[in-house]
Structures are given as C-alpha cells and as structure tokens.
Amino acid sequence: MQDKRPLNEQNQAHGYWEVYYSHGTLHFKGLFVNSDVVGPYESYSESGSLVLKATFLNRKIHGFCEHLDEKLYYVI
C-alpha cells in the first residue's frame, strides 16, 4: 500500500496524510496544514492497535485524548 503524503509549495505536509508501516499496517492518519496537524489524528502500533486518538488545534491537543489504555483530558 502506498502512503498518501501531499505537500505544499514549501515541501511541508499539507493535506490529508495516511502513512503505513513497511508491512502495510496503518501508522498514522490526519490532516496537516503547513506541517502542523489540525483536527482529528490517529496513530497505530505496528500490530495495528490504536495508540493515540486526539484532536489538534493551534499545535496542541484539544479536548479529550485517548492514549494507549489511559484516558487523558487536556484543557486548552
């Protein structure tokens, strides 16, 4: 499976990204604007387990975040 990695004119991550491990399992997915993740973002382990599920705003986690088996809450 091929990664989707759109870039802007400055060669920065810009657009919706899906990046996969070499064996085909999804590594992470999210929307990037000028190399900053914006909005919903998910990251997975090599075995395919969800490692991080968060929403980003202004370069910070915004609201509720799931990290591994822990539940974290960030106030922005």
C-alpha atoms as a PDB file:
ATOM      1  CA  MET A   1       0.000   0.000   0.000  1.00  0.00           C
ATOM      2  CA  GLN A   2       1.324   3.429  -0.916  1.00  0.00           C
ATOM      3  CA  ASP A   3       1.409   6.331   1.519  1.00  0.00           C
ATOM      4  CA  LYS A   4      -0.619   9.449   0.823  1.00  0.00           C
ATOM      5  CA  ARG A   5       1.642  12.381   1.618  1.00  0.00           C
ATOM      6  CA  PRO A   6       0.561  15.656  -0.039  1.00  0.00           C
ATOM      7  CA  LEU A   7       2.962  18.593   0.276  1.00  0.00           C
ATOM      8  CA  ASN A   8       2.652  22.360  -0.164  1.00  0.00           C
ATOM      9  CA  GLU A   9       4.996  24.563  -2.246  1.00  0.00           C
ATOM     10  CA  GLN A  10       7.465  24.744   0.698  1.00  0.00           C
ATOM     11  CA  ASN A  11       7.637  20.922   0.765  1.00  0.00           C
ATOM     12  CA  GLN A  12       5.715  20.786   4.067  1.00  0.00           C
ATOM     13  CA  ALA A  13       2.982  18.307   4.963  1.00  0.00           C
ATOM     14  CA  HIS A  14      -0.225  19.845   3.698  1.00  0.00           C
ATOM     15  CA  GLY A  15      -3.456  17.921   3.288  1.00  0.00           C
ATOM     16  CA  TYR A  16      -4.777  14.582   4.486  1.00  0.00           C
ATOM     17  CA  TRP A  17      -1.991  12.085   5.239  1.00  0.00           C
ATOM     18  CA  GLU A  18      -2.103   8.319   5.620  1.00  0.00           C
ATOM     19  CA  VAL A  19       1.267   6.731   6.395  1.00  0.00           C
ATOM     20  CA  TYR A  20       1.792   2.973   6.553  1.00  0.00           C
ATOM     21  CA  TYR A  21       4.430   0.710   8.079  1.00  0.00           C
ATOM     22  CA  SER A  22       6.504  -1.268   5.554  1.00  0.00           C
ATOM     23  CA  HIS A  23       4.331  -4.361   6.108  1.00  0.00           C
ATOM     24  CA  GLY A  24       1.157  -2.442   5.218  1.00  0.00           C
ATOM     25  CA  THR A  25      -0.385  -1.619   8.599  1.00  0.00           C
ATOM     26  CA  LEU A  26      -1.551   1.977   9.052  1.00  0.00           C
ATOM     27  CA  HIS A  27       0.938   4.031  11.125  1.00  0.00           C
ATOM     28  CA  PHE A  28      -0.981   7.327  11.366  1.00  0.00           C
ATOM     29  CA  LYS A  29      -3.577   9.459   9.639  1.00  0.00           C
ATOM     30  CA  GLY A  30      -4.571  13.071   9.946  1.00  0.00           C
ATOM     31  CA  LEU A  31      -4.921  16.451   8.294  1.00  0.00           C
ATOM     32  CA  PHE A  32      -1.865  18.705   8.075  1.00  0.00           C
ATOM     33  CA  VAL A  33      -1.688  22.419   7.272  1.00  0.00           C
ATOM     34  CA  ASN A  34       1.825  23.746   6.644  1.00  0.00           C
ATOM     35  CA  SER A  35       3.304  20.778   8.585  1.00  0.00           C
ATOM     36  CA  ASP A  36       1.028  21.211  11.629  1.00  0.00           C
ATOM     37  CA  VAL A  37      -1.548  18.514  12.395  1.00  0.00           C
ATOM     38  CA  VAL A  38      -5.045  20.025  12.504  1.00  0.00           C
ATOM     39  CA  GLY A  39      -8.207  18.316  13.693  1.00  0.00           C
ATOM     40  CA  PRO A  40      -8.621  14.566  14.282  1.00  0.00           C
ATOM     41  CA  TYR A  41      -5.442  12.470  14.345  1.00  0.00           C
ATOM     42  CA  GLU A  42      -4.902   8.747  14.953  1.00  0.00           C
ATOM     43  CA  SER A  43      -1.671   6.797  15.435  1.00  0.00           C
ATOM     44  CA  TYR A  44      -1.324   2.990  15.488  1.00  0.00           C
ATOM     45  CA  SER A  45       1.263   0.451  16.656  1.00  0.00           C
ATOM     46  CA  GLU A  46       2.926  -1.873  14.145  1.00  0.00           C
ATOM     47  CA  SER A  47       0.452  -4.593  15.182  1.00  0.00           C
ATOM     48  CA  GLY A  48      -2.469  -2.316  14.266  1.00  0.00           C
ATOM     49  CA  SER A  49      -3.586  -1.298  17.757  1.00  0.00           C
ATOM     50  CA  LEU A  50      -4.727   2.277  18.258  1.00  0.00           C
ATOM     51  CA  VAL A  51      -2.038   4.118  20.229  1.00  0.00           C
ATOM     52  CA  LEU A  52      -3.261   7.720  20.115  1.00  0.00           C
ATOM     53  CA  LYS A  53      -6.547   9.333  19.160  1.00  0.00           C
ATOM     54  CA  ALA A  54      -6.707  13.082  19.586  1.00  0.00           C
ATOM     55  CA  THR A  55      -7.864  16.341  18.069  1.00  0.00           C
ATOM     56  CA  PHE A  56      -5.315  19.088  17.496  1.00  0.00           C
ATOM     57  CA  LEU A  57      -5.881  22.836  17.468  1.00  0.00           C
ATOM     58  CA  ASN A  58      -3.154  25.503  17.380  1.00  0.00           C
ATOM     59  CA  ARG A  59      -0.383  22.860  17.653  1.00  0.00           C
ATOM     60  CA  LYS A  60      -1.839  21.399  20.870  1.00  0.00           C
ATOM     61  CA  ILE A  61      -4.148  18.552  21.795  1.00  0.00           C
ATOM     62  CA  HIS A  62      -7.625  19.983  22.164  1.00  0.00           C
ATOM     63  CA  GLY A  63     -10.234  18.334  24.368  1.00  0.00           C
ATOM     64  CA  PHE A  64     -10.376  14.601  25.044  1.00  0.00           C
ATOM     65  CA  CYS A  65      -7.429  12.393  24.118  1.00  0.00           C
ATOM     66  CA  GLU A  66      -7.056   8.607  24.189  1.00  0.00           C
ATOM     67  CA  HIS A  67      -3.507   7.359  24.675  1.00  0.00           C
ATOM     68  CA  LEU A  68      -2.972   3.596  24.837  1.00  0.00           C
ATOM     69  CA  ASP A  69      -5.211   2.366  27.679  1.00  0.00           C
ATOM     70  CA  GLU A  70      -5.181   5.659  29.550  1.00  0.00           C
ATOM     71  CA  LYS A  71      -7.785   8.386  29.262  1.00  0.00           C
ATOM     72  CA  LEU A  72      -6.303  11.878  29.334  1.00  0.00           C
ATOM     73  CA  TYR A  73      -8.042  15.241  29.300  1.00  0.00           C
ATOM     74  CA  TYR A  74      -6.339  18.439  28.233  1.00  0.00           C
ATOM     75  CA  VAL A  75      -7.756  21.879  28.827  1.00  0.00           C
ATOM     76  CA  ILE A  76      -6.706  24.390  26.188  1.00  0.00           C
END
